[in-house]
């Protein structure tokens, strides 16, 4: 019988041991980096219609929040490994200007995944979720990348710096615990999951799309299927000054299998705009 994944422990009264904050080393990296929000196309349509990312109640932190990852389009949707003929279930990506988002918290991985036990095979059962929290500022994300990855390119790919834990004492269990979890995002990991080291920034404020979305990545067939254009949606995107790139969707594929193609498109955009080399 397979073992049920265990939720990451939570702090209950005692102060958090935020050891990762002292490891931050931004070096020459920019203070602010573009953010990415990945959702299902069906939800994205509602976001575009509303003209904003609206905060929603978060079961993990008990507060209304909107979530983004720094640079990396990491996602795994519930049921995302199941084939589907519904285009609404497939990924839609927004790349967002960091200046539009006021951080409420910054974590070095996906907190929803941690709470769901996605990282339980690697997580230290005695380290609590709150211990991993970084400073609630944009430059804290850059500082963490500088220490843990060295370059934005290696962060985008999920490749930790070689020898990252050299010299870290055994009692610095939060730092060592992070290293174990983040290794799940490395290329060649036997448990690959890019969420394991995708830096999460949450905000407690709604974020307007107008002039804040740098790019959208959309299933091509949602905009133009055999010459039949989704004119109303295209007009909404144009009205919000949102430009886009597309990927090819096919019915009866799985949403999660498009991760590499979407990452390639996003990486090319960041390369073209000078964010990545």
C-alpha atoms as a PDB file:
ATOM      1  CA  UNK A   1       0.000   0.000   0.000  1.00  0.00           C
ATOM      2  CA  UNK A   2       1.417   3.392  -0.995  1.00  0.00           C
ATOM      3  CA  UNK A   3       2.160   5.862   1.763  1.00  0.00           C
ATOM      4  CA  UNK A   4      -0.067   8.937   1.882  1.00  0.00           C
ATOM      5  CA  UNK A   5       1.874  12.196   1.350  1.00  0.00           C
ATOM      6  CA  UNK A   6       2.198  14.197   4.542  1.00  0.00           C
ATOM      7  CA  UNK A   7       1.476  17.910   4.727  1.00  0.00           C
ATOM      8  CA  UNK A   8       4.395  20.061   5.811  1.00  0.00           C
ATOM      9  CA  UNK A   9       4.231  20.905   9.508  1.00  0.00           C
ATOM     10  CA  UNK A  10       3.061  24.363  10.574  1.00  0.00           C
ATOM     11  CA  UNK A  11       4.306  26.677  13.282  1.00  0.00           C
ATOM     12  CA  UNK A  12       1.964  26.913  16.242  1.00  0.00           C
ATOM     13  CA  UNK A  13       3.013  29.682  18.598  1.00  0.00           C
ATOM     14  CA  UNK A  14       6.800  29.288  18.513  1.00  0.00           C
ATOM     15  CA  UNK A  15       8.843  31.733  16.377  1.00  0.00           C
ATOM     16  CA  UNK A  16       9.930  30.608  12.928  1.00  0.00           C
ATOM     17  CA  UNK A  17      13.594  29.750  12.272  1.00  0.00           C
ATOM     18  CA  UNK A  18      14.098  31.624   9.007  1.00  0.00           C
ATOM     19  CA  UNK A  19      17.673  30.589   8.294  1.00  0.00           C
ATOM     20  CA  UNK A  20      17.433  31.085   4.527  1.00  0.00           C
ATOM     21  CA  UNK A  21      17.146  34.848   4.961  1.00  0.00           C
ATOM     22  CA  UNK A  22      20.729  35.053   6.209  1.00  0.00           C
ATOM     23  CA  UNK A  23      21.976  33.118   3.169  1.00  0.00           C
ATOM     24  CA  UNK A  24      20.648  35.631   0.608  1.00  0.00           C
ATOM     25  CA  UNK A  25      23.278  36.960  -1.799  1.00  0.00           C
ATOM     26  CA  UNK A  26      21.828  38.974  -4.690  1.00  0.00           C
ATOM     27  CA  UNK A  27      25.192  39.989  -6.128  1.00  0.00           C
ATOM     28  CA  UNK A  28      24.633  41.688  -9.497  1.00  0.00           C
ATOM     29  CA  UNK A  29      21.136  40.277 -10.076  1.00  0.00           C
ATOM     30  CA  UNK A  30      18.292  42.777 -10.602  1.00  0.00           C
ATOM     31  CA  UNK A  31      16.287  43.745  -7.525  1.00  0.00           C
ATOM     32  CA  UNK A  32      13.007  42.918  -9.273  1.00  0.00           C
ATOM     33  CA  UNK A  33      12.294  40.075 -11.680  1.00  0.00           C
ATOM     34  CA  UNK A  34       9.261  39.336 -13.873  1.00  0.00           C
ATOM     35  CA  UNK A  35       6.545  37.169 -12.374  1.00  0.00           C
ATOM     36  CA  UNK A  36       4.556  34.338 -13.922  1.00  0.00           C
ATOM     37  CA  UNK A  37       0.999  33.231 -13.255  1.00  0.00           C
ATOM     38  CA  UNK A  38      -0.106  29.924 -14.770  1.00  0.00           C
ATOM     39  CA  UNK A  39      -3.734  28.883 -14.757  1.00  0.00           C
ATOM     40  CA  UNK A  40      -6.239  26.895 -16.798  1.00  0.00           C
ATOM     41  CA  UNK A  41      -7.497  28.586 -19.960  1.00  0.00           C
ATOM     42  CA  UNK A  42     -11.026  28.494 -18.557  1.00  0.00           C
ATOM     43  CA  UNK A  43      -9.931  30.506 -15.511  1.00  0.00           C
ATOM     44  CA  UNK A  44      -7.776  32.794 -17.652  1.00  0.00           C
ATOM     45  CA  UNK A  45     -10.824  33.805 -19.651  1.00  0.00           C
ATOM     46  CA  UNK A  46     -12.473  34.982 -16.421  1.00  0.00           C
ATOM     47  CA  UNK A  47      -9.309  36.845 -15.379  1.00  0.00           C
ATOM     48  CA  UNK A  48      -9.217  38.671 -18.705  1.00  0.00           C
ATOM     49  CA  UNK A  49     -12.937  39.475 -18.513  1.00  0.00           C
ATOM     50  CA  UNK A  50     -12.508  40.925 -15.014  1.00  0.00           C
ATOM     51  CA  UNK A  51      -9.384  42.860 -16.049  1.00  0.00           C
ATOM     52  CA  UNK A  52      -7.451  41.836 -12.949  1.00  0.00           C
ATOM     53  CA  UNK A  53      -5.929  39.061 -10.909  1.00  0.00           C
ATOM     54  CA  UNK A  54      -8.364  38.915  -8.028  1.00  0.00           C
ATOM     55  CA  UNK A  55      -7.276  37.687  -4.621  1.00  0.00           C
ATOM     56  CA  UNK A  56      -9.063  34.511  -3.549  1.00  0.00           C
ATOM     57  CA  UNK A  57      -9.305  32.798  -0.127  1.00  0.00           C
ATOM     58  CA  UNK A  58      -6.189  30.691   0.451  1.00  0.00           C
ATOM     59  CA  UNK A  59      -6.733  27.555   2.534  1.00  0.00           C
ATOM     60  CA  UNK A  60      -3.022  27.365   3.425  1.00  0.00           C
ATOM     61  CA  UNK A  61      -2.699  30.797   5.039  1.00  0.00           C
ATOM     62  CA  UNK A  62      -6.330  31.660   5.761  1.00  0.00           C
ATOM     63  CA  UNK A  63      -6.143  34.951   3.839  1.00  0.00           C
ATOM     64  CA  UNK A  64      -7.264  36.166   0.429  1.00  0.00           C
ATOM     65  CA  UNK A  65      -4.206  36.122  -1.846  1.00  0.00           C
ATOM     66  CA  UNK A  66      -3.118  35.988  -5.491  1.00  0.00           C
ATOM     67  CA  UNK A  67      -0.080  33.892  -6.391  1.00  0.00           C
ATOM     68  CA  UNK A  68       2.844  34.204  -8.804  1.00  0.00           C
ATOM     69  CA  UNK A  69       6.166  32.486  -9.410  1.00  0.00           C
ATOM     70  CA  UNK A  70       9.370  34.377 -10.135  1.00  0.00           C
ATOM     71  CA  UNK A  71      10.399  33.847 -13.811  1.00  0.00           C
ATOM     72  CA  UNK A  72       9.498  30.165 -13.948  1.00  0.00           C
ATOM     73  CA  UNK A  73       6.207  28.868 -15.474  1.00  0.00           C
ATOM     74  CA  UNK A  74       5.991  25.974 -13.015  1.00  0.00           C
ATOM     75  CA  UNK A  75       2.695  24.159 -12.730  1.00  0.00           C
ATOM     76  CA  UNK A  76       1.052  20.819 -12.167  1.00  0.00           C
ATOM     77  CA  UNK A  77      -2.690  20.956 -12.274  1.00  0.00           C
ATOM     78  CA  UNK A  78      -4.966  18.609 -10.365  1.00  0.00           C
ATOM     79  CA  UNK A  79      -5.775  15.819 -12.788  1.00  0.00           C
ATOM     80  CA  UNK A  80      -3.192  17.287 -15.165  1.00  0.00           C
ATOM     81  CA  UNK A  81      -1.797  13.871 -16.045  1.00  0.00           C
ATOM     82  CA  UNK A  82      -5.176  12.739 -17.371  1.00  0.00           C
ATOM     83  CA  UNK A  83      -5.992  13.134 -21.072  1.00  0.00           C
ATOM     84  CA  UNK A  84      -8.640  15.694 -21.897  1.00  0.00           C
ATOM     85  CA  UNK A  85     -10.438  16.992 -24.970  1.00  0.00           C
ATOM     86  CA  UNK A  86     -11.387  20.250 -23.175  1.00  0.00           C
ATOM     87  CA  UNK A  87      -9.158  23.172 -24.140  1.00  0.00           C
ATOM     88  CA  UNK A  88     -10.316  25.023 -21.013  1.00  0.00           C
ATOM     89  CA  UNK A  89      -8.221  22.625 -18.901  1.00  0.00           C
ATOM     90  CA  UNK A  90      -4.956  23.471 -20.656  1.00  0.00           C
ATOM     91  CA  UNK A  91      -2.392  26.028 -19.461  1.00  0.00           C
ATOM     92  CA  UNK A  92      -2.589  29.747 -20.015  1.00  0.00           C
ATOM     93  CA  UNK A  93       0.408  31.804 -18.871  1.00  0.00           C
ATOM     94  CA  UNK A  94       0.609  35.466 -17.866  1.00  0.00           C
ATOM     95  CA  UNK A  95       4.019  37.132 -17.507  1.00  0.00           C
ATOM     96  CA  UNK A  96       3.604  40.086 -15.175  1.00  0.00           C
ATOM     97  CA  UNK A  97       5.657  43.176 -14.349  1.00  0.00           C
ATOM     98  CA  UNK A  98       6.954  42.884 -10.759  1.00  0.00           C
ATOM     99  CA  UNK A  99       6.139  46.529 -10.104  1.00  0.00           C
ATOM    100  CA  UNK A 100       2.439  45.661 -10.247  1.00  0.00           C
ATOM    101  CA  UNK A 101       2.688  43.227  -7.317  1.00  0.00           C
ATOM    102  CA  UNK A 102       3.164  44.185  -3.664  1.00  0.00           C
ATOM    103  CA  UNK A 103       4.523  41.063  -1.911  1.00  0.00           C
ATOM    104  CA  UNK A 104       2.610  39.743   1.077  1.00  0.00           C
ATOM    105  CA  UNK A 105       4.981  36.793   1.368  1.00  0.00           C
ATOM    106  CA  UNK A 106       7.883  35.235  -0.509  1.00  0.00           C
ATOM    107  CA  UNK A 107       8.698  31.503  -0.281  1.00  0.00           C
ATOM    108  CA  UNK A 108      11.402  29.480  -2.085  1.00  0.00           C
ATOM    109  CA  UNK A 109       8.905  26.902  -3.359  1.00  0.00           C
ATOM    110  CA  UNK A 110       5.205  26.355  -3.991  1.00  0.00           C
ATOM    111  CA  UNK A 111       3.484  26.533  -0.611  1.00  0.00           C
ATOM    112  CA  UNK A 112       0.346  24.869  -1.949  1.00  0.00           C
ATOM    113  CA  UNK A 113       2.430  21.880  -3.013  1.00  0.00           C
ATOM    114  CA  UNK A 114       4.162  21.813   0.376  1.00  0.00           C
ATOM    115  CA  UNK A 115       0.833  21.878   2.200  1.00  0.00           C
ATOM    116  CA  UNK A 116      -0.488  19.089  -0.022  1.00  0.00           C
ATOM    117  CA  UNK A 117       2.505  16.891   0.802  1.00  0.00           C
ATOM    118  CA  UNK A 118       3.980  16.997  -2.708  1.00  0.00           C
ATOM    119  CA  UNK A 119       7.499  17.360  -1.264  1.00  0.00           C
ATOM    120  CA  UNK A 120       7.044  14.972   1.665  1.00  0.00           C
ATOM    121  CA  UNK A 121       9.502  12.375   0.361  1.00  0.00           C
ATOM    122  CA  UNK A 122      12.328  14.922   0.606  1.00  0.00           C
ATOM    123  CA  UNK A 123      11.112  17.335   3.297  1.00  0.00           C
ATOM    124  CA  UNK A 124      12.471  17.233   6.844  1.00  0.00           C
ATOM    125  CA  UNK A 125       9.429  16.334   8.944  1.00  0.00           C
ATOM    126  CA  UNK A 126      10.678  18.513  11.816  1.00  0.00           C
ATOM    127  CA  UNK A 127      10.992  21.721   9.781  1.00  0.00           C
ATOM    128  CA  UNK A 128       7.834  23.829   9.476  1.00  0.00           C
ATOM    129  CA  UNK A 129       6.527  25.675   6.448  1.00  0.00           C
ATOM    130  CA  UNK A 130       6.914  29.107   8.069  1.00  0.00           C
ATOM    131  CA  UNK A 131      10.632  28.452   8.638  1.00  0.00           C
ATOM    132  CA  UNK A 132      11.256  28.720   4.886  1.00  0.00           C
ATOM    133  CA  UNK A 133       9.705  32.166   4.448  1.00  0.00           C
ATOM    134  CA  UNK A 134      11.985  34.785   2.887  1.00  0.00           C
ATOM    135  CA  UNK A 135      11.738  38.533   3.448  1.00  0.00           C
ATOM    136  CA  UNK A 136       8.472  39.815   1.893  1.00  0.00           C
ATOM    137  CA  UNK A 137      10.254  41.893  -0.755  1.00  0.00           C
ATOM    138  CA  UNK A 138      11.101  41.419  -4.433  1.00  0.00           C
ATOM    139  CA  UNK A 139      14.829  41.655  -3.791  1.00  0.00           C
ATOM    140  CA  UNK A 140      14.568  38.730  -1.369  1.00  0.00           C
ATOM    141  CA  UNK A 141      13.734  36.506  -4.344  1.00  0.00           C
ATOM    142  CA  UNK A 142      16.781  37.780  -6.222  1.00  0.00           C
ATOM    143  CA  UNK A 143      18.934  37.283  -3.121  1.00  0.00           C
ATOM    144  CA  UNK A 144      17.787  33.711  -2.780  1.00  0.00           C
ATOM    145  CA  UNK A 145      18.478  33.014  -6.457  1.00  0.00           C
ATOM    146  CA  UNK A 146      21.964  34.467  -6.127  1.00  0.00           C
ATOM    147  CA  UNK A 147      22.772  32.180  -3.216  1.00  0.00           C
ATOM    148  CA  UNK A 148      21.016  28.975  -4.288  1.00  0.00           C
ATOM    149  CA  UNK A 149      21.489  29.071  -8.069  1.00  0.00           C
ATOM    150  CA  UNK A 150      24.046  31.742  -8.891  1.00  0.00           C
ATOM    151  CA  UNK A 151      22.471  32.757 -12.211  1.00  0.00           C
ATOM    152  CA  UNK A 152      18.974  33.408 -13.490  1.00  0.00           C
ATOM    153  CA  UNK A 153      19.515  30.793 -16.183  1.00  0.00           C
ATOM    154  CA  UNK A 154      20.283  28.063 -13.651  1.00  0.00           C
ATOM    155  CA  UNK A 155      17.315  29.151 -11.546  1.00  0.00           C
ATOM    156  CA  UNK A 156      15.013  28.956 -14.578  1.00  0.00           C
ATOM    157  CA  UNK A 157      16.230  25.401 -15.216  1.00  0.00           C
ATOM    158  CA  UNK A 158      16.051  24.430 -11.528  1.00  0.00           C
ATOM    159  CA  UNK A 159      19.763  23.635 -11.237  1.00  0.00           C
ATOM    160  CA  UNK A 160      21.178  24.400  -7.787  1.00  0.00           C
ATOM    161  CA  UNK A 161      24.767  25.554  -7.384  1.00  0.00           C
ATOM    162  CA  UNK A 162      27.250  22.728  -7.022  1.00  0.00           C
ATOM    163  CA  UNK A 163      28.438  22.328  -3.453  1.00  0.00           C
ATOM    164  CA  UNK A 164      25.636  24.533  -2.129  1.00  0.00           C
ATOM    165  CA  UNK A 165      25.590  22.805   1.256  1.00  0.00           C
ATOM    166  CA  UNK A 166      29.370  22.717   1.721  1.00  0.00           C
ATOM    167  CA  UNK A 167      30.206  24.243   5.084  1.00  0.00           C
ATOM    168  CA  UNK A 168      26.601  24.395   6.282  1.00  0.00           C
ATOM    169  CA  UNK A 169      26.448  22.925   9.802  1.00  0.00           C
ATOM    170  CA  UNK A 170      24.164  20.003  10.555  1.00  0.00           C
ATOM    171  CA  UNK A 171      22.121  22.116  12.974  1.00  0.00           C
ATOM    172  CA  UNK A 172      21.086  24.515  10.169  1.00  0.00           C
ATOM    173  CA  UNK A 173      18.221  22.206   9.368  1.00  0.00           C
ATOM    174  CA  UNK A 174      16.032  24.699   7.490  1.00  0.00           C
ATOM    175  CA  UNK A 175      18.761  25.393   4.939  1.00  0.00           C
ATOM    176  CA  UNK A 176      19.554  21.713   4.521  1.00  0.00           C
ATOM    177  CA  UNK A 177      15.843  20.928   4.332  1.00  0.00           C
ATOM    178  CA  UNK A 178      15.397  23.452   1.545  1.00  0.00           C
ATOM    179  CA  UNK A 179      18.285  21.901  -0.391  1.00  0.00           C
ATOM    180  CA  UNK A 180      16.651  18.472  -0.212  1.00  0.00           C
ATOM    181  CA  UNK A 181      13.310  19.786  -1.467  1.00  0.00           C
ATOM    182  CA  UNK A 182      14.769  22.003  -4.195  1.00  0.00           C
ATOM    183  CA  UNK A 183      16.684  19.061  -5.632  1.00  0.00           C
ATOM    184  CA  UNK A 184      13.352  17.739  -6.900  1.00  0.00           C
ATOM    185  CA  UNK A 185      13.385  20.474  -9.561  1.00  0.00           C
ATOM    186  CA  UNK A 186      16.825  19.597 -10.930  1.00  0.00           C
ATOM    187  CA  UNK A 187      17.181  18.265 -14.445  1.00  0.00           C
ATOM    188  CA  UNK A 188      17.426  14.484 -14.211  1.00  0.00           C
ATOM    189  CA  UNK A 189      15.723  14.235 -10.825  1.00  0.00           C
ATOM    190  CA  UNK A 190      13.833  10.982 -10.323  1.00  0.00           C
ATOM    191  CA  UNK A 191      11.003  13.080  -8.842  1.00  0.00           C
ATOM    192  CA  UNK A 192      10.961  16.046 -11.229  1.00  0.00           C
ATOM    193  CA  UNK A 193       8.753  18.899 -10.099  1.00  0.00           C
ATOM    194  CA  UNK A 194       9.727  22.482 -10.973  1.00  0.00           C
ATOM    195  CA  UNK A 195       7.499  23.790  -8.190  1.00  0.00           C
ATOM    196  CA  UNK A 196      10.029  22.475  -5.663  1.00  0.00           C
ATOM    197  CA  UNK A 197      12.294  25.481  -6.187  1.00  0.00           C
ATOM    198  CA  UNK A 198      10.078  27.998  -8.015  1.00  0.00           C
ATOM    199  CA  UNK A 199      10.051  31.114  -5.848  1.00  0.00           C
ATOM    200  CA  UNK A 200       6.507  32.042  -4.894  1.00  0.00           C
ATOM    201  CA  UNK A 201       5.337  35.615  -4.376  1.00  0.00           C
ATOM    202  CA  UNK A 202       1.836  36.160  -3.025  1.00  0.00           C
ATOM    203  CA  UNK A 203       0.020  39.462  -2.791  1.00  0.00           C
ATOM    204  CA  UNK A 204      -3.025  40.484  -0.773  1.00  0.00           C
ATOM    205  CA  UNK A 205      -4.099  43.074  -3.371  1.00  0.00           C
ATOM    206  CA  UNK A 206      -5.869  42.692  -6.697  1.00  0.00           C
ATOM    207  CA  UNK A 207      -3.512  43.259  -9.636  1.00  0.00           C
ATOM    208  CA  UNK A 208      -4.740  45.074 -12.745  1.00  0.00           C
ATOM    209  CA  UNK A 209      -3.905  43.461 -16.085  1.00  0.00           C
ATOM    210  CA  UNK A 210      -3.835  46.737 -18.002  1.00  0.00           C
ATOM    211  CA  UNK A 211      -0.212  47.760 -18.723  1.00  0.00           C
ATOM    212  CA  UNK A 212       1.047  45.142 -16.250  1.00  0.00           C
ATOM    213  CA  UNK A 213       0.935  41.936 -18.324  1.00  0.00           C
ATOM    214  CA  UNK A 214       4.130  41.717 -20.384  1.00  0.00           C
ATOM    215  CA  UNK A 215       3.050  38.647 -22.365  1.00  0.00           C
ATOM    216  CA  UNK A 216       0.465  35.869 -22.430  1.00  0.00           C
ATOM    217  CA  UNK A 217       1.088  32.320 -23.668  1.00  0.00           C
ATOM    218  CA  UNK A 218      -2.114  30.813 -25.024  1.00  0.00           C
ATOM    219  CA  UNK A 219      -3.255  27.659 -26.844  1.00  0.00           C
ATOM    220  CA  UNK A 220      -3.328  28.757 -30.492  1.00  0.00           C
ATOM    221  CA  UNK A 221      -6.620  27.020 -31.140  1.00  0.00           C
ATOM    222  CA  UNK A 222      -8.297  29.099 -28.411  1.00  0.00           C
ATOM    223  CA  UNK A 223      -7.627  32.174 -30.547  1.00  0.00           C
ATOM    224  CA  UNK A 224      -7.895  30.736 -34.057  1.00  0.00           C
ATOM    225  CA  UNK A 225      -9.179  27.258 -34.857  1.00  0.00           C
ATOM    226  CA  UNK A 226      -9.043  26.507 -38.598  1.00  0.00           C
ATOM    227  CA  UNK A 227      -9.583  30.154 -39.499  1.00  0.00           C
ATOM    228  CA  UNK A 228     -12.411  30.706 -37.043  1.00  0.00           C
ATOM    229  CA  UNK A 229     -11.169  33.450 -34.761  1.00  0.00           C
ATOM    230  CA  UNK A 230     -12.214  34.033 -31.158  1.00  0.00           C
ATOM    231  CA  UNK A 231     -12.720  37.692 -32.013  1.00  0.00           C
ATOM    232  CA  UNK A 232     -14.329  38.741 -28.742  1.00  0.00           C
ATOM    233  CA  UNK A 233     -11.458  37.359 -26.631  1.00  0.00           C
ATOM    234  CA  UNK A 234      -8.806  38.783 -28.977  1.00  0.00           C
ATOM    235  CA  UNK A 235     -10.471  42.202 -28.660  1.00  0.00           C
ATOM    236  CA  UNK A 236     -10.372  41.892 -24.872  1.00  0.00           C
ATOM    237  CA  UNK A 237      -6.641  41.102 -24.963  1.00  0.00           C
ATOM    238  CA  UNK A 238      -5.996  44.037 -27.284  1.00  0.00           C
ATOM    239  CA  UNK A 239      -8.063  46.320 -25.069  1.00  0.00           C
ATOM    240  CA  UNK A 240      -5.808  45.435 -22.144  1.00  0.00           C
ATOM    241  CA  UNK A 241      -2.647  45.902 -24.271  1.00  0.00           C
ATOM    242  CA  UNK A 242      -1.746  42.229 -23.826  1.00  0.00           C
ATOM    243  CA  UNK A 243       0.489  40.696 -26.494  1.00  0.00           C
ATOM    244  CA  UNK A 244       0.774  36.943 -26.814  1.00  0.00           C
ATOM    245  CA  UNK A 245       2.593  33.926 -28.126  1.00  0.00           C
ATOM    246  CA  UNK A 246       0.918  30.577 -28.737  1.00  0.00           C
ATOM    247  CA  UNK A 247       1.542  26.876 -28.369  1.00  0.00           C
ATOM    248  CA  UNK A 248      -0.106  24.034 -30.253  1.00  0.00           C
ATOM    249  CA  UNK A 249      -2.914  22.263 -28.420  1.00  0.00           C
ATOM    250  CA  UNK A 250      -4.283  18.863 -29.308  1.00  0.00           C
ATOM    251  CA  UNK A 251      -7.354  17.193 -27.800  1.00  0.00           C
ATOM    252  CA  UNK A 252      -6.810  14.056 -25.749  1.00  0.00           C
ATOM    253  CA  UNK A 253      -3.347  15.052 -24.596  1.00  0.00           C
ATOM    254  CA  UNK A 254      -2.553  15.832 -20.961  1.00  0.00           C
ATOM    255  CA  UNK A 255      -2.137  19.413 -19.657  1.00  0.00           C
ATOM    256  CA  UNK A 256       1.028  18.585 -17.709  1.00  0.00           C
ATOM    257  CA  UNK A 257       2.897  17.237 -20.720  1.00  0.00           C
ATOM    258  CA  UNK A 258       3.034  20.745 -22.218  1.00  0.00           C
ATOM    259  CA  UNK A 259       5.357  22.030 -19.488  1.00  0.00           C
ATOM    260  CA  UNK A 260       8.528  21.816 -21.577  1.00  0.00           C
ATOM    261  CA  UNK A 261       6.987  23.532 -24.595  1.00  0.00           C
ATOM    262  CA  UNK A 262       5.608  26.361 -22.466  1.00  0.00           C
ATOM    263  CA  UNK A 263       8.945  26.744 -20.636  1.00  0.00           C
ATOM    264  CA  UNK A 264      10.684  26.985 -24.030  1.00  0.00           C
ATOM    265  CA  UNK A 265       8.345  29.780 -25.164  1.00  0.00           C
ATOM    266  CA  UNK A 266       8.728  31.703 -21.902  1.00  0.00           C
ATOM    267  CA  UNK A 267      12.495  31.266 -21.928  1.00  0.00           C
ATOM    268  CA  UNK A 268      12.709  32.601 -25.489  1.00  0.00           C
ATOM    269  CA  UNK A 269      10.696  35.654 -24.456  1.00  0.00           C
ATOM    270  CA  UNK A 270      13.030  36.315 -21.534  1.00  0.00           C
ATOM    271  CA  UNK A 271      16.030  35.806 -23.808  1.00  0.00           C
ATOM    272  CA  UNK A 272      14.622  38.131 -26.471  1.00  0.00           C
ATOM    273  CA  UNK A 273      13.984  40.836 -23.842  1.00  0.00           C
ATOM    274  CA  UNK A 274      17.381  40.461 -22.182  1.00  0.00           C
ATOM    275  CA  UNK A 275      16.235  39.020 -18.878  1.00  0.00           C
ATOM    276  CA  UNK A 276      18.043  35.731 -19.598  1.00  0.00           C
ATOM    277  CA  UNK A 277      21.154  35.141 -21.667  1.00  0.00           C
END
